[in-house]
Amino acid sequence: MGDRPVERLPSLSVPEQSDLADDWKQRLGKDTAEVGPETDRFLLRLVFHSVLWRKLDDDVGTISQVHIPL
């Protein structure tokens, strides 16, 4: 199990109710959210207040090397 590429593709879970995010909301005094990318091999939980992003470059060379087309 987990040896086929489709089993290793990550999915993103966003719980509607998160005890972890609620705990951090109490600590920080700000609304927080929890998301978690997961595969058959790992689970990562991210708790955050806000997300900022910006595009740094149009180069897609690095991601093209690891992206598995469907």
PDB file of N, CA and C in Angstrom:
ATOM      1  N   MET A   1       0.836  -1.182   0.000  1.00  0.00           N
ATOM      2  CA  MET A   1       0.000   0.000   0.000  1.00  0.00           C
ATOM      3  C   MET A   1       0.881   1.246   0.000  1.00  0.00           C
ATOM      4  N   GLY A   2       0.504   2.249  -0.761  1.00  0.00           N
ATOM      5  CA  GLY A   2       1.243   3.482  -0.784  1.00  0.00           C
ATOM      6  C   GLY A   2       2.358   3.520  -1.802  1.00  0.00           C
ATOM      7  N   ASP A   3       2.495   2.462  -2.599  1.00  0.00           N
ATOM      8  CA  ASP A   3       3.562   2.435  -3.582  1.00  0.00           C
ATOM      9  C   ASP A   3       3.139   3.018  -4.925  1.00  0.00           C
ATOM     10  N   ARG A   4       1.862   3.158  -5.143  1.00  0.00           N
ATOM     11  CA  ARG A   4       1.385   3.762  -6.381  1.00  0.00           C
ATOM     12  C   ARG A   4       1.371   5.277  -6.221  1.00  0.00           C
ATOM     13  N   PRO A   5       1.735   6.038  -7.257  1.00  0.00           N
ATOM     14  CA  PRO A   5       1.774   7.498  -7.144  1.00  0.00           C
ATOM     15  C   PRO A   5       0.467   8.112  -6.660  1.00  0.00           C
ATOM     16  N   VAL A   6      -0.676   7.573  -7.084  1.00  0.00           N
ATOM     17  CA  VAL A   6      -1.949   8.158  -6.680  1.00  0.00           C
ATOM     18  C   VAL A   6      -2.150   8.074  -5.167  1.00  0.00           C
ATOM     19  N   GLU A   7      -1.590   7.068  -4.511  1.00  0.00           N
ATOM     20  CA  GLU A   7      -1.731   6.946  -3.061  1.00  0.00           C
ATOM     21  C   GLU A   7      -0.852   7.944  -2.317  1.00  0.00           C
ATOM     22  N   ARG A   8       0.163   8.466  -2.988  1.00  0.00           N
ATOM     23  CA  ARG A   8       1.064   9.419  -2.342  1.00  0.00           C
ATOM     24  C   ARG A   8       0.650  10.860  -2.589  1.00  0.00           C
ATOM     25  N   LEU A   9      -0.336  11.086  -3.463  1.00  0.00           N
ATOM     26  CA  LEU A   9      -0.770  12.449  -3.730  1.00  0.00           C
ATOM     27  C   LEU A   9      -1.422  13.030  -2.482  1.00  0.00           C
ATOM     28  N   PRO A  10      -1.027  14.238  -2.096  1.00  0.00           N
ATOM     29  CA  PRO A  10      -1.602  14.814  -0.889  1.00  0.00           C
ATOM     30  C   PRO A  10      -3.031  15.300  -1.095  1.00  0.00           C
ATOM     31  N   SER A  11      -3.783  15.236  -0.027  1.00  0.00           N
ATOM     32  CA  SER A  11      -5.092  15.861  -0.001  1.00  0.00           C
ATOM     33  C   SER A  11      -5.057  16.886   1.127  1.00  0.00           C
ATOM     34  N   LEU A  12      -5.982  17.792   1.129  1.00  0.00           N
ATOM     35  CA  LEU A  12      -6.009  18.847   2.128  1.00  0.00           C
ATOM     36  C   LEU A  12      -7.273  18.700   2.956  1.00  0.00           C
ATOM     37  N   SER A  13      -7.109  18.549   4.259  1.00  0.00           N
ATOM     38  CA  SER A  13      -8.278  18.466   5.134  1.00  0.00           C
ATOM     39  C   SER A  13      -8.417  19.771   5.912  1.00  0.00           C
ATOM     40  N   VAL A  14      -9.650  20.232   6.031  1.00  0.00           N
ATOM     41  CA  VAL A  14      -9.954  21.457   6.762  1.00  0.00           C
ATOM     42  C   VAL A  14     -11.101  21.141   7.712  1.00  0.00           C
ATOM     43  N   PRO A  15     -10.784  20.826   8.972  1.00  0.00           N
ATOM     44  CA  PRO A  15     -11.858  20.480   9.906  1.00  0.00           C
ATOM     45  C   PRO A  15     -12.765  21.680  10.196  1.00  0.00           C
ATOM     46  N   GLU A  16     -14.067  21.414  10.249  1.00  0.00           N
ATOM     47  CA  GLU A  16     -15.013  22.493  10.560  1.00  0.00           C
ATOM     48  C   GLU A  16     -14.844  22.966  12.003  1.00  0.00           C
ATOM     49  N   GLN A  17     -14.584  22.035  12.908  1.00  0.00           N
ATOM     50  CA  GLN A  17     -14.355  22.365  14.311  1.00  0.00           C
ATOM     51  C   GLN A  17     -12.990  21.827  14.695  1.00  0.00           C
ATOM     52  N   SER A  18     -12.110  22.693  15.174  1.00  0.00           N
ATOM     53  CA  SER A  18     -10.760  22.282  15.519  1.00  0.00           C
ATOM     54  C   SER A  18     -10.429  22.682  16.953  1.00  0.00           C
ATOM     55  N   ASP A  19     -10.229  21.688  17.804  1.00  0.00           N
ATOM     56  CA  ASP A  19      -9.816  21.971  19.181  1.00  0.00           C
ATOM     57  C   ASP A  19      -8.443  22.630  19.208  1.00  0.00           C
ATOM     58  N   LEU A  20      -7.581  22.222  18.304  1.00  0.00           N
ATOM     59  CA  LEU A  20      -6.242  22.792  18.229  1.00  0.00           C
ATOM     60  C   LEU A  20      -6.303  24.278  17.865  1.00  0.00           C
ATOM     61  N   ALA A  21      -7.091  24.628  16.860  1.00  0.00           N
ATOM     62  CA  ALA A  21      -7.240  26.033  16.471  1.00  0.00           C
ATOM     63  C   ALA A  21      -7.926  26.836  17.578  1.00  0.00           C
ATOM     64  N   ASP A  22      -8.907  26.235  18.251  1.00  0.00           N
ATOM     65  CA  ASP A  22      -9.576  26.925  19.360  1.00  0.00           C
ATOM     66  C   ASP A  22      -8.611  27.214  20.497  1.00  0.00           C
ATOM     67  N   ASP A  23      -7.719  26.264  20.780  1.00  0.00           N
ATOM     68  CA  ASP A  23      -6.715  26.466  21.826  1.00  0.00           C
ATOM     69  C   ASP A  23      -5.800  27.648  21.479  1.00  0.00           C
ATOM     70  N   TRP A  24      -5.349  27.712  20.240  1.00  0.00           N
ATOM     71  CA  TRP A  24      -4.480  28.817  19.820  1.00  0.00           C
ATOM     72  C   TRP A  24      -5.245  30.134  19.763  1.00  0.00           C
ATOM     73  N   LYS A  25      -6.529  30.085  19.462  1.00  0.00           N
ATOM     74  CA  LYS A  25      -7.343  31.300  19.476  1.00  0.00           C
ATOM     75  C   LYS A  25      -7.368  31.903  20.880  1.00  0.00           C
ATOM     76  N   GLN A  26      -7.498  31.040  21.884  1.00  0.00           N
ATOM     77  CA  GLN A  26      -7.484  31.514  23.270  1.00  0.00           C
ATOM     78  C   GLN A  26      -6.118  32.098  23.646  1.00  0.00           C
ATOM     79  N   ARG A  27      -5.058  31.456  23.212  1.00  0.00           N
ATOM     80  CA  ARG A  27      -3.703  31.924  23.523  1.00  0.00           C
ATOM     81  C   ARG A  27      -3.377  33.260  22.858  1.00  0.00           C
ATOM     82  N   LEU A  28      -3.763  33.387  21.573  1.00  0.00           N
ATOM     83  CA  LEU A  28      -3.391  34.567  20.795  1.00  0.00           C
ATOM     84  C   LEU A  28      -4.418  35.690  20.864  1.00  0.00           C
ATOM     85  N   GLY A  29      -5.652  35.339  21.174  1.00  0.00           N
ATOM     86  CA  GLY A  29      -6.713  36.336  21.156  1.00  0.00           C
ATOM     87  C   GLY A  29      -7.121  36.725  19.743  1.00  0.00           C
ATOM     88  N   LYS A  30      -6.834  35.847  18.766  1.00  0.00           N
ATOM     89  CA  LYS A  30      -7.192  36.096  17.371  1.00  0.00           C
ATOM     90  C   LYS A  30      -7.804  34.831  16.784  1.00  0.00           C
ATOM     91  N   ASP A  31      -8.678  35.015  15.790  1.00  0.00           N
ATOM     92  CA  ASP A  31      -9.245  33.848  15.105  1.00  0.00           C
ATOM     93  C   ASP A  31      -8.130  33.057  14.436  1.00  0.00           C
ATOM     94  N   THR A  32      -8.211  31.751  14.527  1.00  0.00           N
ATOM     95  CA  THR A  32      -7.234  30.887  13.881  1.00  0.00           C
ATOM     96  C   THR A  32      -7.968  29.799  13.101  1.00  0.00           C
ATOM     97  N   ALA A  33      -7.249  29.176  12.199  1.00  0.00           N
ATOM     98  CA  ALA A  33      -7.801  28.088  11.395  1.00  0.00           C
ATOM     99  C   ALA A  33      -6.795  26.955  11.361  1.00  0.00           C
ATOM    100  N   GLU A  34      -7.272  25.774  11.065  1.00  0.00           N
ATOM    101  CA  GLU A  34      -6.404  24.598  10.946  1.00  0.00           C
ATOM    102  C   GLU A  34      -6.613  23.956   9.584  1.00  0.00           C
ATOM    103  N   VAL A  35      -5.531  23.615   8.925  1.00  0.00           N
ATOM    104  CA  VAL A  35      -5.573  22.831   7.697  1.00  0.00           C
ATOM    105  C   VAL A  35      -4.500  21.763   7.802  1.00  0.00           C
ATOM    106  N   GLY A  36      -4.658  20.719   7.023  1.00  0.00           N
ATOM    107  CA  GLY A  36      -3.669  19.657   7.095  1.00  0.00           C
ATOM    108  C   GLY A  36      -3.509  18.897   5.810  1.00  0.00           C
ATOM    109  N   PRO A  37      -2.354  19.063   5.149  1.00  0.00           N
ATOM    110  CA  PRO A  37      -2.080  18.177   4.021  1.00  0.00           C
ATOM    111  C   PRO A  37      -1.754  16.785   4.543  1.00  0.00           C
ATOM    112  N   GLU A  38      -2.257  15.756   3.858  1.00  0.00           N
ATOM    113  CA  GLU A  38      -1.975  14.398   4.302  1.00  0.00           C
ATOM    114  C   GLU A  38      -1.911  13.445   3.118  1.00  0.00           C
ATOM    115  N   THR A  39      -1.104  12.419   3.276  1.00  0.00           N
ATOM    116  CA  THR A  39      -1.004  11.332   2.307  1.00  0.00           C
ATOM    117  C   THR A  39      -1.080  10.037   3.098  1.00  0.00           C
ATOM    118  N   ASP A  40      -0.804   8.925   2.447  1.00  0.00           N
ATOM    119  CA  ASP A  40      -0.755   7.663   3.171  1.00  0.00           C
ATOM    120  C   ASP A  40       0.509   7.576   4.035  1.00  0.00           C
ATOM    121  N   ARG A  41       1.435   8.512   3.874  1.00  0.00           N
ATOM    122  CA  ARG A  41       2.718   8.460   4.587  1.00  0.00           C
ATOM    123  C   ARG A  41       2.864   9.505   5.689  1.00  0.00           C
ATOM    124  N   PHE A  42       2.159  10.622   5.600  1.00  0.00           N
ATOM    125  CA  PHE A  42       2.320  11.655   6.619  1.00  0.00           C
ATOM    126  C   PHE A  42       1.050  12.467   6.795  1.00  0.00           C
ATOM    127  N   LEU A  43       0.993  13.156   7.914  1.00  0.00           N
ATOM    128  CA  LEU A  43      -0.086  14.091   8.236  1.00  0.00           C
ATOM    129  C   LEU A  43       0.565  15.300   8.879  1.00  0.00           C
ATOM    130  N   LEU A  44       0.269  16.471   8.371  1.00  0.00           N
ATOM    131  CA  LEU A  44       0.832  17.709   8.888  1.00  0.00           C
ATOM    132  C   LEU A  44      -0.316  18.635   9.245  1.00  0.00           C
ATOM    133  N   ARG A  45      -0.321  19.170  10.438  1.00  0.00           N
ATOM    134  CA  ARG A  45      -1.358  20.103  10.860  1.00  0.00           C
ATOM    135  C   ARG A  45      -0.764  21.499  10.948  1.00  0.00           C
ATOM    136  N   LEU A  46      -1.419  22.457  10.310  1.00  0.00           N
ATOM    137  CA  LEU A  46      -0.993  23.848  10.331  1.00  0.00           C
ATOM    138  C   LEU A  46      -2.092  24.676  10.973  1.00  0.00           C
ATOM    139  N   VAL A  47      -1.744  25.432  11.981  1.00  0.00           N
ATOM    140  CA  VAL A  47      -2.690  26.338  12.639  1.00  0.00           C
ATOM    141  C   VAL A  47      -2.171  27.744  12.398  1.00  0.00           C
ATOM    142  N   PHE A  48      -3.036  28.620  11.877  1.00  0.00           N
ATOM    143  CA  PHE A  48      -2.573  29.948  11.497  1.00  0.00           C
ATOM    144  C   PHE A  48      -3.663  30.987  11.717  1.00  0.00           C
ATOM    145  N   HIS A  49      -3.217  32.239  11.802  1.00  0.00           N
ATOM    146  CA  HIS A  49      -4.132  33.366  11.933  1.00  0.00           C
ATOM    147  C   HIS A  49      -4.418  33.986  10.565  1.00  0.00           C
ATOM    148  N   SER A  50      -3.377  34.146   9.760  1.00  0.00           N
ATOM    149  CA  SER A  50      -3.552  34.715   8.432  1.00  0.00           C
ATOM    150  C   SER A  50      -2.496  34.133   7.494  1.00  0.00           C
ATOM    151  N   VAL A  51      -2.763  34.252   6.221  1.00  0.00           N
ATOM    152  CA  VAL A  51      -1.841  33.745   5.208  1.00  0.00           C
ATOM    153  C   VAL A  51      -1.546  34.876   4.235  1.00  0.00           C
ATOM    154  N   LEU A  52      -0.279  35.109   4.021  1.00  0.00           N
ATOM    155  CA  LEU A  52       0.161  36.093   3.032  1.00  0.00           C
ATOM    156  C   LEU A  52       0.978  35.374   1.985  1.00  0.00           C
ATOM    157  N   TRP A  53       0.812  35.740   0.741  1.00  0.00           N
ATOM    158  CA  TRP A  53       1.610  35.128  -0.306  1.00  0.00           C
ATOM    159  C   TRP A  53       1.872  36.145  -1.400  1.00  0.00           C
ATOM    160  N   ARG A  54       2.950  35.896  -2.123  1.00  0.00           N
ATOM    161  CA  ARG A  54       3.241  36.704  -3.293  1.00  0.00           C
ATOM    162  C   ARG A  54       4.032  35.867  -4.283  1.00  0.00           C
ATOM    163  N   LYS A  55       3.824  36.139  -5.523  1.00  0.00           N
ATOM    164  CA  LYS A  55       4.517  35.426  -6.585  1.00  0.00           C
ATOM    165  C   LYS A  55       5.910  36.024  -6.728  1.00  0.00           C
ATOM    166  N   LEU A  56       6.927  35.183  -6.615  1.00  0.00           N
ATOM    167  CA  LEU A  56       8.299  35.663  -6.678  1.00  0.00           C
ATOM    168  C   LEU A  56       8.883  35.591  -8.082  1.00  0.00           C
ATOM    169  N   ASP A  57       8.411  34.638  -8.872  1.00  0.00           N
ATOM    170  CA  ASP A  57       9.030  34.405 -10.170  1.00  0.00           C
ATOM    171  C   ASP A  57       8.083  33.589 -11.041  1.00  0.00           C
ATOM    172  N   ASP A  58       8.248  33.674 -12.339  1.00  0.00           N
ATOM    173  CA  ASP A  58       7.461  32.863 -13.266  1.00  0.00           C
ATOM    174  C   ASP A  58       8.107  31.514 -13.548  1.00  0.00           C
ATOM    175  N   ASP A  59       9.288  31.277 -13.013  1.00  0.00           N
ATOM    176  CA  ASP A  59      10.005  30.025 -13.249  1.00  0.00           C
ATOM    177  C   ASP A  59       9.260  28.868 -12.584  1.00  0.00           C
ATOM    178  N   VAL A  60       8.963  27.817 -13.353  1.00  0.00           N
ATOM    179  CA  VAL A  60       8.276  26.642 -12.829  1.00  0.00           C
ATOM    180  C   VAL A  60       9.172  25.407 -12.872  1.00  0.00           C
ATOM    181  N   GLY A  61      10.470  25.606 -13.085  1.00  0.00           N
ATOM    182  CA  GLY A  61      11.408  24.501 -13.238  1.00  0.00           C
ATOM    183  C   GLY A  61      11.426  23.543 -12.070  1.00  0.00           C
ATOM    184  N   THR A  62      11.492  24.049 -10.854  1.00  0.00           N
ATOM    185  CA  THR A  62      11.583  23.187  -9.679  1.00  0.00           C
ATOM    186  C   THR A  62      10.324  22.357  -9.497  1.00  0.00           C
ATOM    187  N   ILE A  63       9.161  22.984  -9.558  1.00  0.00           N
ATOM    188  CA  ILE A  63       7.917  22.238  -9.350  1.00  0.00           C
ATOM    189  C   ILE A  63       7.662  21.274 -10.499  1.00  0.00           C
ATOM    190  N   SER A  64       8.105  21.611 -11.692  1.00  0.00           N
ATOM    191  CA  SER A  64       7.928  20.703 -12.831  1.00  0.00           C
ATOM    192  C   SER A  64       8.711  19.409 -12.647  1.00  0.00           C
ATOM    193  N   GLN A  65       9.788  19.456 -11.892  1.00  0.00           N
ATOM    194  CA  GLN A  65      10.604  18.277 -11.659  1.00  0.00           C
ATOM    195  C   GLN A  65       9.921  17.290 -10.708  1.00  0.00           C
ATOM    196  N   VAL A  66       9.058  17.756  -9.819  1.00  0.00           N
ATOM    197  CA  VAL A  66       8.438  16.873  -8.829  1.00  0.00           C
ATOM    198  C   VAL A  66       6.946  16.674  -9.045  1.00  0.00           C
ATOM    199  N   HIS A  67       6.321  17.430  -9.920  1.00  0.00           N
ATOM    200  CA  HIS A  67       4.892  17.332 -10.152  1.00  0.00           C
ATOM    201  C   HIS A  67       4.577  16.062 -10.954  1.00  0.00           C
ATOM    202  N   ILE A  68       3.585  15.310 -10.514  1.00  0.00           N
ATOM    203  CA  ILE A  68       3.154  14.100 -11.205  1.00  0.00           C
ATOM    204  C   ILE A  68       1.857  14.428 -11.925  1.00  0.00           C
ATOM    205  N   PRO A  69       1.872  14.510 -13.260  1.00  0.00           N
ATOM    206  CA  PRO A  69       0.649  14.834 -13.997  1.00  0.00           C
ATOM    207  C   PRO A  69      -0.409  13.741 -13.811  1.00  0.00           C
ATOM    208  N   LEU A  70      -1.651  14.129 -13.757  1.00  0.00           N
ATOM    209  CA  LEU A  70      -2.743  13.166 -13.621  1.00  0.00           C
ATOM    210  C   LEU A  70      -3.086  12.565 -14.963  1.00  0.00           C
TER     211      LEU A  70
END
